[in-house]
Protein backbone atom coordinates (compact mmCIF):
# COMPACT_ATOMS: atom_id res chain seq x y z
CA UNK A 1 61.37 -20.47 31.27
CA UNK A 2 61.33 -24.28 31.94
CA UNK A 3 60.05 -25.55 28.60
CA UNK A 4 60.41 -23.28 25.61
CA UNK A 5 56.84 -23.51 24.31
CA UNK A 6 54.26 -21.68 26.44
CA UNK A 7 51.70 -24.13 27.77
CA UNK A 8 48.30 -23.55 29.40
CA UNK A 9 49.11 -26.53 31.66
CA UNK A 10 51.92 -24.38 33.13
CA UNK A 11 49.75 -21.27 33.35
CA UNK A 12 51.27 -19.68 30.25
CA UNK A 13 50.04 -18.26 26.99
CA UNK A 14 51.51 -16.37 24.08
CA UNK A 15 51.17 -12.63 23.72
CA UNK A 16 52.49 -10.17 21.18
CA UNK A 17 55.84 -11.84 20.58
CA UNK A 18 56.39 -13.17 24.09
CA UNK A 19 55.41 -16.03 26.34
CA UNK A 20 53.28 -14.67 29.19
CA UNK A 21 52.26 -16.12 32.55
CA UNK A 22 48.48 -16.14 32.71
CA UNK A 23 47.87 -17.92 36.02
CA UNK A 24 49.55 -18.18 39.40
CA UNK A 25 50.52 -21.56 40.85
CA UNK A 26 50.77 -23.51 37.60
CA UNK A 27 54.45 -23.02 36.74
CA UNK A 28 57.31 -24.56 38.70
CA UNK A 29 59.44 -21.45 38.19
CA UNK A 30 58.92 -18.37 40.35
CA UNK A 31 57.09 -15.38 38.93
CA UNK A 32 53.87 -13.41 38.89
CA UNK A 33 50.83 -13.48 36.62
CA UNK A 34 51.56 -11.04 33.80
CA UNK A 35 55.30 -11.65 33.66
CA UNK A 36 56.64 -12.34 30.18
CA UNK A 37 59.77 -13.81 28.67
CA UNK A 38 61.52 -15.12 25.61
CA UNK A 39 64.45 -17.45 24.97
CA UNK A 40 67.03 -17.13 22.19
CA UNK A 41 68.46 -19.97 20.12
CA UNK A 42 71.89 -19.97 21.78
CA UNK A 43 70.91 -19.69 25.41
CA UNK A 44 70.11 -16.02 25.84
CA UNK A 45 66.89 -15.23 27.65
CA UNK A 46 65.07 -12.40 29.34
CA UNK A 47 61.99 -11.92 31.43
CA UNK A 48 60.06 -8.98 32.80
CA UNK A 49 57.96 -9.20 35.96
CA UNK A 50 55.94 -5.96 36.22
CA UNK A 51 54.54 -6.94 39.64
CA UNK A 52 58.04 -7.15 41.14
CA UNK A 53 59.36 -4.25 38.99
CA UNK A 54 62.00 -6.66 37.72
CA UNK A 55 63.80 -7.05 34.40
CA UNK A 56 66.38 -9.82 33.99
CA UNK A 57 68.62 -10.69 31.05
CA UNK A 58 70.85 -13.74 30.79
CA UNK A 59 73.50 -13.75 28.09
CA UNK A 60 75.16 -17.13 27.55
CA UNK A 61 76.47 -18.73 24.40
CA UNK A 62 75.62 -22.42 24.48
CA UNK A 63 73.25 -24.54 22.38
CA UNK A 64 69.62 -24.31 23.46
CA UNK A 65 69.48 -27.85 24.88
CA UNK A 66 72.51 -27.21 27.11
CA UNK A 67 71.17 -23.87 28.34
CA UNK A 68 68.04 -25.35 29.93
CA UNK A 69 69.76 -25.85 33.30
CA UNK A 70 70.79 -22.18 33.39
CA UNK A 71 67.38 -20.94 32.20
CA UNK A 72 65.74 -22.79 35.10
CA UNK A 73 68.36 -21.83 37.69
CA UNK A 74 68.62 -18.13 36.85
CA UNK A 75 65.04 -17.05 37.78
CA UNK A 76 65.15 -19.02 41.02
CA UNK A 77 68.38 -17.30 42.06
CA UNK A 78 67.11 -13.85 41.11
CA UNK A 79 63.84 -14.18 43.03
CA UNK A 80 65.66 -15.60 46.06
CA UNK A 81 67.88 -12.50 46.09
CA UNK A 82 64.90 -10.12 46.46
CA UNK A 83 64.82 -8.69 49.98
CA UNK A 84 61.61 -7.14 51.27
């Protein structure tokens, strides 16, 4: 989630309609290779991490530029809440 456009510099690519993490250790946000996500125009977002058996949906109604803080904060909070 960080930047909207998937970037190989951040270990991301684009799959069938989704951004997908292709490499570990390249993205500042937590996640696993193979996780995928998408971001809506008014702040909504979702991601699926098959490795962690995790699906997360964030529903907010703010312009895309203002939602960046929440899009970056949300995955960090979710992954920190996982107890093993």
